[in-house]
Amino acid sequence: MTTNSFFPTTEAGQVVWLSHYALKLPIDGPVCGIDAKEIAATLTDCLYYVWLLQHWYPAVHRDAKEATAYKVLMTSGSGKSPISYPQPSVFPDPPPAPAPGIQKRLFSQIARIKASLNYHEAIGHDLGIIATANTTEHLVPEASLSVELGPAGSRVRIDFKKYGHDGIWIESRINGGDWSFLAIDTVKPYLDERPFEPGNTHETREYRLRWWDKSEPHGEWSAVQRAVLGI
């Protein structure tokens, strides 16, 4: 699959691009007919978009994982001392929220900038809106497994790259059993913190992954990877 786009596919890349565009738009925008009111609105869009990607979404996702780990610990763990539940993230002084559709507004604005009679390639490079070709096709997710110690004991950590996809669909099997759905994850890493099945003192957990986009799994399965956990 060949794509041509100035907008990065990774969220980390998008943060860098949005910050750069917001810095350059007040300089290059007026040359191409973007007035001060629209520039101010775009800066609000960019600031909020960056905050969503850098702060709000990762924190809320981390809260959910901590809540799952706490539930497992309190229902299946051990110990004699009380353990309070984890506190949710707090966001002091978040930027003002714009209307939905930030990407649509950005791309519409960029199309108008490129259609301006005053637009030239130097402006495109300065704003970061010159498309670059990407001919790399990632047919299946790429992931790495590691076993680590979590709040409730040993857990399997799955690190992966999205390559522009919404996320991954994960299936797992234990000790050679049947494959079953495990999770959909959109923010790495995924932490498999399931307790051992009844009667097990060790488990070989195998994993396979597919791409997940627009609420549907699709594509070929990745190679099966395994991790061994034991008491």
C-alpha atoms as a PDB file:
ATOM      1  CA  MET A   1       0.000   0.000   0.000  1.00  0.00           C
ATOM      2  CA  THR A   2       1.456   3.339  -1.086  1.00  0.00           C
ATOM      3  CA  THR A   3       0.265   6.444   0.708  1.00  0.00           C
ATOM      4  CA  ASN A   4       1.147  10.086   0.322  1.00  0.00           C
ATOM      5  CA  SER A   5       0.422  12.261   3.321  1.00  0.00           C
ATOM      6  CA  PHE A   6       1.955  15.122   5.228  1.00  0.00           C
ATOM      7  CA  PHE A   7       0.124  14.087   8.414  1.00  0.00           C
ATOM      8  CA  PRO A   8       2.036  11.492  10.479  1.00  0.00           C
ATOM      9  CA  THR A   9       0.440   8.120  11.170  1.00  0.00           C
ATOM     10  CA  THR A  10       1.789   7.836  14.739  1.00  0.00           C
ATOM     11  CA  GLU A  11       0.378   9.877  17.591  1.00  0.00           C
ATOM     12  CA  ALA A  12       3.876  10.928  18.678  1.00  0.00           C
ATOM     13  CA  GLY A  13       4.523  12.197  15.156  1.00  0.00           C
ATOM     14  CA  GLN A  14       1.187  14.004  15.116  1.00  0.00           C
ATOM     15  CA  VAL A  15       2.086  15.877  18.309  1.00  0.00           C
ATOM     16  CA  VAL A  16       5.301  17.117  16.674  1.00  0.00           C
ATOM     17  CA  TRP A  17       3.507  18.046  13.442  1.00  0.00           C
ATOM     18  CA  LEU A  18       0.659  19.892  15.176  1.00  0.00           C
ATOM     19  CA  SER A  19       3.076  21.881  17.347  1.00  0.00           C
ATOM     20  CA  HIS A  20       5.122  22.854  14.280  1.00  0.00           C
ATOM     21  CA  TYR A  21       2.053  23.810  12.228  1.00  0.00           C
ATOM     22  CA  ALA A  22       0.723  25.979  15.066  1.00  0.00           C
ATOM     23  CA  LEU A  23       4.114  27.738  15.231  1.00  0.00           C
ATOM     24  CA  LYS A  24       4.289  28.443  11.487  1.00  0.00           C
ATOM     25  CA  LEU A  25       0.644  29.195  10.651  1.00  0.00           C
ATOM     26  CA  PRO A  26       0.653  32.782  12.032  1.00  0.00           C
ATOM     27  CA  ILE A  27       3.610  33.481   9.708  1.00  0.00           C
ATOM     28  CA  ASP A  28       2.563  31.719   6.493  1.00  0.00           C
ATOM     29  CA  GLY A  29      -1.222  31.698   6.873  1.00  0.00           C
ATOM     30  CA  PRO A  30      -1.878  35.396   6.151  1.00  0.00           C
ATOM     31  CA  VAL A  31       0.184  35.153   2.937  1.00  0.00           C
ATOM     32  CA  CYS A  32      -2.288  32.525   1.687  1.00  0.00           C
ATOM     33  CA  GLY A  33      -5.466  34.280   2.808  1.00  0.00           C
ATOM     34  CA  ILE A  34      -5.991  32.848   6.291  1.00  0.00           C
ATOM     35  CA  ASP A  35      -7.258  35.683   8.495  1.00  0.00           C
ATOM     36  CA  ALA A  36      -6.437  36.340  12.138  1.00  0.00           C
ATOM     37  CA  LYS A  37      -9.749  34.937  13.442  1.00  0.00           C
ATOM     38  CA  GLU A  38      -9.278  31.617  11.668  1.00  0.00           C
ATOM     39  CA  ILE A  39      -5.635  31.410  12.749  1.00  0.00           C
ATOM     40  CA  ALA A  40      -6.665  31.879  16.390  1.00  0.00           C
ATOM     41  CA  ALA A  41      -9.286  29.132  16.050  1.00  0.00           C
ATOM     42  CA  THR A  42      -6.744  26.786  14.457  1.00  0.00           C
ATOM     43  CA  LEU A  43      -4.267  27.401  17.266  1.00  0.00           C
ATOM     44  CA  THR A  44      -7.015  26.454  19.730  1.00  0.00           C
ATOM     45  CA  ASP A  45      -7.650  23.281  17.718  1.00  0.00           C
ATOM     46  CA  CYS A  46      -3.970  22.350  17.643  1.00  0.00           C
ATOM     47  CA  LEU A  47      -3.432  23.019  21.337  1.00  0.00           C
ATOM     48  CA  TYR A  48      -6.399  20.852  22.291  1.00  0.00           C
ATOM     49  CA  TYR A  49      -5.452  18.083  19.861  1.00  0.00           C
ATOM     50  CA  VAL A  50      -1.940  17.907  21.331  1.00  0.00           C
ATOM     51  CA  TRP A  51      -3.341  17.846  24.868  1.00  0.00           C
ATOM     52  CA  LEU A  52      -5.683  14.982  23.959  1.00  0.00           C
ATOM     53  CA  LEU A  53      -2.847  12.915  22.496  1.00  0.00           C
ATOM     54  CA  GLN A  54      -0.180  13.728  25.061  1.00  0.00           C
ATOM     55  CA  HIS A  55      -2.092  13.934  28.314  1.00  0.00           C
ATOM     56  CA  TRP A  56      -5.814  13.122  28.440  1.00  0.00           C
ATOM     57  CA  TYR A  57      -6.093   9.908  26.414  1.00  0.00           C
ATOM     58  CA  PRO A  58      -2.967   8.151  27.796  1.00  0.00           C
ATOM     59  CA  ALA A  59      -3.953   9.053  31.366  1.00  0.00           C
ATOM     60  CA  VAL A  60      -7.528   7.802  31.019  1.00  0.00           C
ATOM     61  CA  HIS A  61      -6.283   4.606  29.361  1.00  0.00           C
ATOM     62  CA  ARG A  62      -3.746   4.137  32.190  1.00  0.00           C
ATOM     63  CA  ASP A  63      -6.527   4.684  34.745  1.00  0.00           C
ATOM     64  CA  ALA A  64      -8.525   1.885  33.144  1.00  0.00           C
ATOM     65  CA  LYS A  65      -5.563  -0.510  33.275  1.00  0.00           C
ATOM     66  CA  GLU A  66      -4.854   0.386  36.904  1.00  0.00           C
ATOM     67  CA  ALA A  67      -8.524  -0.191  37.713  1.00  0.00           C
ATOM     68  CA  THR A  68      -8.344  -3.654  36.140  1.00  0.00           C
ATOM     69  CA  ALA A  69      -5.153  -4.501  38.039  1.00  0.00           C
ATOM     70  CA  TYR A  70      -6.702  -3.303  41.304  1.00  0.00           C
ATOM     71  CA  LYS A  71      -9.827  -5.368  40.727  1.00  0.00           C
ATOM     72  CA  VAL A  72      -7.714  -8.475  40.108  1.00  0.00           C
ATOM     73  CA  LEU A  73      -5.584  -7.767  43.181  1.00  0.00           C
ATOM     74  CA  MET A  74      -8.558  -7.228  45.486  1.00  0.00           C
ATOM     75  CA  THR A  75     -10.555 -10.200  44.229  1.00  0.00           C
ATOM     76  CA  SER A  76      -7.771 -12.748  43.678  1.00  0.00           C
ATOM     77  CA  GLY A  77      -4.666 -11.433  45.429  1.00  0.00           C
ATOM     78  CA  SER A  78      -3.319 -11.980  48.918  1.00  0.00           C
ATOM     79  CA  GLY A  79      -2.065  -9.922  51.839  1.00  0.00           C
ATOM     80  CA  LYS A  80      -3.193  -8.639  55.229  1.00  0.00           C
ATOM     81  CA  SER A  81      -2.925  -4.863  54.829  1.00  0.00           C
ATOM     82  CA  PRO A  82      -5.757  -2.831  53.282  1.00  0.00           C
ATOM     83  CA  ILE A  83      -4.950  -1.339  49.876  1.00  0.00           C
ATOM     84  CA  SER A  84      -6.856   1.718  48.732  1.00  0.00           C
ATOM     85  CA  TYR A  85      -8.097   1.966  45.171  1.00  0.00           C
ATOM     86  CA  PRO A  86      -5.964   3.977  42.716  1.00  0.00           C
ATOM     87  CA  GLN A  87      -6.979   7.583  42.298  1.00  0.00           C
ATOM     88  CA  PRO A  88      -8.090   8.710  38.820  1.00  0.00           C
ATOM     89  CA  SER A  89      -5.990  11.220  36.911  1.00  0.00           C
ATOM     90  CA  VAL A  90      -6.657  14.908  37.452  1.00  0.00           C
ATOM     91  CA  PHE A  91      -6.193  17.461  34.684  1.00  0.00           C
ATOM     92  CA  PRO A  92      -5.518  20.945  36.082  1.00  0.00           C
ATOM     93  CA  ASP A  93      -5.954  23.809  33.623  1.00  0.00           C
ATOM     94  CA  PRO A  94      -6.871  21.856  30.478  1.00  0.00           C
ATOM     95  CA  PRO A  95      -6.977  23.940  27.294  1.00  0.00           C
ATOM     96  CA  PRO A  96     -10.388  25.108  26.059  1.00  0.00           C
ATOM     97  CA  ALA A  97     -12.252  22.480  24.054  1.00  0.00           C
ATOM     98  CA  PRO A  98     -13.188  23.342  20.449  1.00  0.00           C
ATOM     99  CA  ALA A  99     -16.045  21.870  18.434  1.00  0.00           C
ATOM    100  CA  PRO A 100     -15.591  18.303  17.101  1.00  0.00           C
ATOM    101  CA  GLY A 101     -13.882  17.780  13.762  1.00  0.00           C
ATOM    102  CA  ILE A 102     -10.387  19.189  14.322  1.00  0.00           C
ATOM    103  CA  GLN A 103      -8.777  17.094  11.579  1.00  0.00           C
ATOM    104  CA  LYS A 104     -11.446  18.024   9.038  1.00  0.00           C
ATOM    105  CA  ARG A 105     -10.925  21.717   9.713  1.00  0.00           C
ATOM    106  CA  LEU A 106      -7.144  21.398   9.504  1.00  0.00           C
ATOM    107  CA  PHE A 107      -7.180  19.507   6.217  1.00  0.00           C
ATOM    108  CA  SER A 108      -9.765  21.867   4.722  1.00  0.00           C
ATOM    109  CA  GLN A 109      -7.608  24.831   5.705  1.00  0.00           C
ATOM    110  CA  ILE A 110      -4.503  23.250   4.194  1.00  0.00           C
ATOM    111  CA  ALA A 111      -6.365  22.581   0.938  1.00  0.00           C
ATOM    112  CA  ARG A 112      -7.302  26.286   0.773  1.00  0.00           C
ATOM    113  CA  ILE A 113      -3.717  27.303   1.544  1.00  0.00           C
ATOM    114  CA  LYS A 114      -2.442  25.146  -1.326  1.00  0.00           C
ATOM    115  CA  ALA A 115      -5.093  26.610  -3.656  1.00  0.00           C
ATOM    116  CA  SER A 116      -3.981  30.184  -2.911  1.00  0.00           C
ATOM    117  CA  LEU A 117      -2.290  32.088  -5.726  1.00  0.00           C
ATOM    118  CA  ASN A 118       0.399  33.121  -3.243  1.00  0.00           C
ATOM    119  CA  TYR A 119       1.209  29.540  -2.202  1.00  0.00           C
ATOM    120  CA  HIS A 120       4.556  28.114  -3.239  1.00  0.00           C
ATOM    121  CA  GLU A 121       6.659  25.107  -2.301  1.00  0.00           C
ATOM    122  CA  ALA A 122       8.733  26.983   0.267  1.00  0.00           C
ATOM    123  CA  ILE A 123       5.550  27.740   2.242  1.00  0.00           C
ATOM    124  CA  GLY A 124       4.541  24.090   1.996  1.00  0.00           C
ATOM    125  CA  HIS A 125       7.860  22.944   3.423  1.00  0.00           C
ATOM    126  CA  ASP A 126       7.745  25.589   6.142  1.00  0.00           C
ATOM    127  CA  LEU A 127       4.256  24.497   7.250  1.00  0.00           C
ATOM    128  CA  GLY A 128       5.075  20.815   6.877  1.00  0.00           C
ATOM    129  CA  ILE A 129       2.290  20.158   4.355  1.00  0.00           C
ATOM    130  CA  ILE A 130       4.340  18.662   1.525  1.00  0.00           C
ATOM    131  CA  ALA A 131       3.351  15.015   1.114  1.00  0.00           C
ATOM    132  CA  THR A 132       5.989  12.315   1.424  1.00  0.00           C
ATOM    133  CA  ALA A 133       5.688   8.831   0.031  1.00  0.00           C
ATOM    134  CA  ASN A 134       5.512   5.805   2.297  1.00  0.00           C
ATOM    135  CA  THR A 135       5.743   2.497   0.475  1.00  0.00           C
ATOM    136  CA  THR A 136       6.090   0.265   3.527  1.00  0.00           C
ATOM    137  CA  GLU A 137       3.196  -2.131   4.001  1.00  0.00           C
ATOM    138  CA  HIS A 138       2.666  -3.760   7.388  1.00  0.00           C
ATOM    139  CA  LEU A 139       0.411  -6.736   6.723  1.00  0.00           C
ATOM    140  CA  VAL A 140       0.372  -7.947  10.321  1.00  0.00           C
ATOM    141  CA  PRO A 141       1.072  -6.337  13.701  1.00  0.00           C
ATOM    142  CA  GLU A 142       4.605  -6.565  15.044  1.00  0.00           C
ATOM    143  CA  ALA A 143       4.866  -7.182  18.777  1.00  0.00           C
ATOM    144  CA  SER A 144       7.312  -8.238  21.479  1.00  0.00           C
ATOM    145  CA  LEU A 145       6.501 -10.073  24.717  1.00  0.00           C
ATOM    146  CA  SER A 146       8.106  -9.833  28.129  1.00  0.00           C
ATOM    147  CA  VAL A 147       7.195 -11.164  31.571  1.00  0.00           C
ATOM    148  CA  GLU A 148       7.301  -8.635  34.410  1.00  0.00           C
ATOM    149  CA  LEU A 149       6.094  -8.216  37.978  1.00  0.00           C
ATOM    150  CA  GLY A 150       2.851  -6.290  38.363  1.00  0.00           C
ATOM    151  CA  PRO A 151       0.717  -5.305  41.370  1.00  0.00           C
ATOM    152  CA  ALA A 152      -0.994  -8.722  41.429  1.00  0.00           C
ATOM    153  CA  GLY A 153       2.021 -10.863  40.471  1.00  0.00           C
ATOM    154  CA  SER A 154       3.610 -11.893  37.186  1.00  0.00           C
ATOM    155  CA  ARG A 155       2.067 -10.488  34.031  1.00  0.00           C
ATOM    156  CA  VAL A 156       2.804 -10.503  30.307  1.00  0.00           C
ATOM    157  CA  ARG A 157       3.606  -7.191  28.623  1.00  0.00           C
ATOM    158  CA  ILE A 158       2.890  -6.873  24.898  1.00  0.00           C
ATOM    159  CA  ASP A 159       4.573  -3.975  23.120  1.00  0.00           C
ATOM    160  CA  PHE A 160       3.452  -3.188  19.588  1.00  0.00           C
ATOM    161  CA  LYS A 161       3.414  -0.537  16.852  1.00  0.00           C
ATOM    162  CA  LYS A 162       0.190   0.608  15.176  1.00  0.00           C
ATOM    163  CA  TYR A 163       1.622   1.930  11.875  1.00  0.00           C
ATOM    164  CA  GLY A 164      -1.410   4.162  11.401  1.00  0.00           C
ATOM    165  CA  HIS A 165      -4.015   1.548  12.408  1.00  0.00           C
ATOM    166  CA  ASP A 166      -6.576   2.150  15.152  1.00  0.00           C
ATOM    167  CA  GLY A 167      -5.259  -0.696  17.265  1.00  0.00           C
ATOM    168  CA  ILE A 168      -4.804  -4.457  17.576  1.00  0.00           C
ATOM    169  CA  TRP A 169      -7.097  -7.418  18.219  1.00  0.00           C
ATOM    170  CA  ILE A 170      -5.485  -9.958  20.562  1.00  0.00           C
ATOM    171  CA  GLU A 171      -6.359 -13.625  20.988  1.00  0.00           C
ATOM    172  CA  SER A 172      -4.729 -16.005  23.460  1.00  0.00           C
ATOM    173  CA  ARG A 173      -4.647 -19.621  24.525  1.00  0.00           C
ATOM    174  CA  ILE A 174      -3.323 -21.236  27.678  1.00  0.00           C
ATOM    175  CA  ASN A 175      -1.355 -24.499  27.857  1.00  0.00           C
ATOM    176  CA  GLY A 176      -2.301 -25.459  24.311  1.00  0.00           C
ATOM    177  CA  GLY A 177      -6.047 -24.931  24.738  1.00  0.00           C
ATOM    178  CA  ASP A 178      -8.436 -23.211  22.377  1.00  0.00           C
ATOM    179  CA  TRP A 179      -7.871 -19.724  21.041  1.00  0.00           C
ATOM    180  CA  SER A 180     -10.149 -17.084  22.569  1.00  0.00           C
ATOM    181  CA  PHE A 181     -10.537 -13.325  22.348  1.00  0.00           C
ATOM    182  CA  LEU A 182      -8.431 -11.477  24.920  1.00  0.00           C
ATOM    183  CA  ALA A 183      -8.559  -7.744  24.199  1.00  0.00           C
ATOM    184  CA  ILE A 184      -8.627  -4.809  21.803  1.00  0.00           C
ATOM    185  CA  ASP A 185      -5.864  -2.331  22.561  1.00  0.00           C
ATOM    186  CA  THR A 186      -5.215   1.080  21.021  1.00  0.00           C
ATOM    187  CA  VAL A 187      -2.447   2.325  23.301  1.00  0.00           C
ATOM    188  CA  LYS A 188       0.697   0.313  23.986  1.00  0.00           C
ATOM    189  CA  PRO A 189       1.613  -1.640  25.951  1.00  0.00           C
ATOM    190  CA  TYR A 190      -1.074  -4.222  26.609  1.00  0.00           C
ATOM    191  CA  LEU A 191      -0.725  -5.899  30.030  1.00  0.00           C
ATOM    192  CA  ASP A 192      -2.118  -9.411  30.436  1.00  0.00           C
ATOM    193  CA  GLU A 193      -2.783  -9.539  34.184  1.00  0.00           C
ATOM    194  CA  ARG A 194      -5.165 -12.482  34.271  1.00  0.00           C
ATOM    195  CA  PRO A 195      -4.823 -14.744  37.317  1.00  0.00           C
ATOM    196  CA  PHE A 196      -3.916 -18.385  36.726  1.00  0.00           C
ATOM    197  CA  GLU A 197      -6.776 -20.657  35.796  1.00  0.00           C
ATOM    198  CA  PRO A 198      -7.943 -22.848  38.711  1.00  0.00           C
ATOM    199  CA  GLY A 199      -5.498 -25.662  39.427  1.00  0.00           C
ATOM    200  CA  ASN A 200      -2.626 -24.186  37.430  1.00  0.00           C
ATOM    201  CA  THR A 201       0.715 -23.421  39.059  1.00  0.00           C
ATOM    202  CA  HIS A 202       2.317 -22.416  35.783  1.00  0.00           C
ATOM    203  CA  GLU A 203       0.977 -21.440  32.378  1.00  0.00           C
ATOM    204  CA  THR A 204       2.276 -21.178  28.831  1.00  0.00           C
ATOM    205  CA  ARG A 205       0.332 -18.321  27.306  1.00  0.00           C
ATOM    206  CA  GLU A 206       0.336 -17.923  23.540  1.00  0.00           C
ATOM    207  CA  TYR A 207      -0.751 -14.833  21.646  1.00  0.00           C
ATOM    208  CA  ARG A 208      -1.676 -13.901  18.089  1.00  0.00           C
ATOM    209  CA  LEU A 209      -2.620 -10.454  16.822  1.00  0.00           C
ATOM    210  CA  ARG A 210      -4.600  -8.888  13.959  1.00  0.00           C
ATOM    211  CA  TRP A 211      -5.206  -5.291  12.977  1.00  0.00           C
ATOM    212  CA  TRP A 212      -8.308  -3.596  14.381  1.00  0.00           C
ATOM    213  CA  ASP A 213      -9.783  -0.632  12.472  1.00  0.00           C
ATOM    214  CA  LYS A 214     -13.203   1.008  12.474  1.00  0.00           C
ATOM    215  CA  SER A 215     -14.485  -1.411  15.128  1.00  0.00           C
ATOM    216  CA  GLU A 216     -13.577  -4.511  13.094  1.00  0.00           C
ATOM    217  CA  PRO A 217     -10.661  -6.981  13.216  1.00  0.00           C
ATOM    218  CA  HIS A 218      -9.093  -7.719   9.823  1.00  0.00           C
ATOM    219  CA  GLY A 219      -6.037  -9.043   8.025  1.00  0.00           C
ATOM    220  CA  GLU A 220      -3.796 -12.019   8.641  1.00  0.00           C
ATOM    221  CA  TRP A 221      -2.719 -13.248  12.053  1.00  0.00           C
ATOM    222  CA  SER A 222       0.730 -12.410  13.317  1.00  0.00           C
ATOM    223  CA  ALA A 223       3.168 -15.161  14.176  1.00  0.00           C
ATOM    224  CA  VAL A 224       2.290 -16.893  17.450  1.00  0.00           C
ATOM    225  CA  GLN A 225       4.390 -15.805  20.411  1.00  0.00           C
ATOM    226  CA  ARG A 226       4.475 -17.374  23.862  1.00  0.00           C
ATOM    227  CA  ALA A 227       5.383 -16.518  27.421  1.00  0.00           C
ATOM    228  CA  VAL A 228       5.771 -18.852  30.409  1.00  0.00           C
ATOM    229  CA  LEU A 229       4.539 -17.877  33.866  1.00  0.00           C
ATOM    230  CA  GLY A 230       4.959 -20.014  36.940  1.00  0.00           C
ATOM    231  CA  ILE A 231       4.977 -20.004  40.723  1.00  0.00           C
END
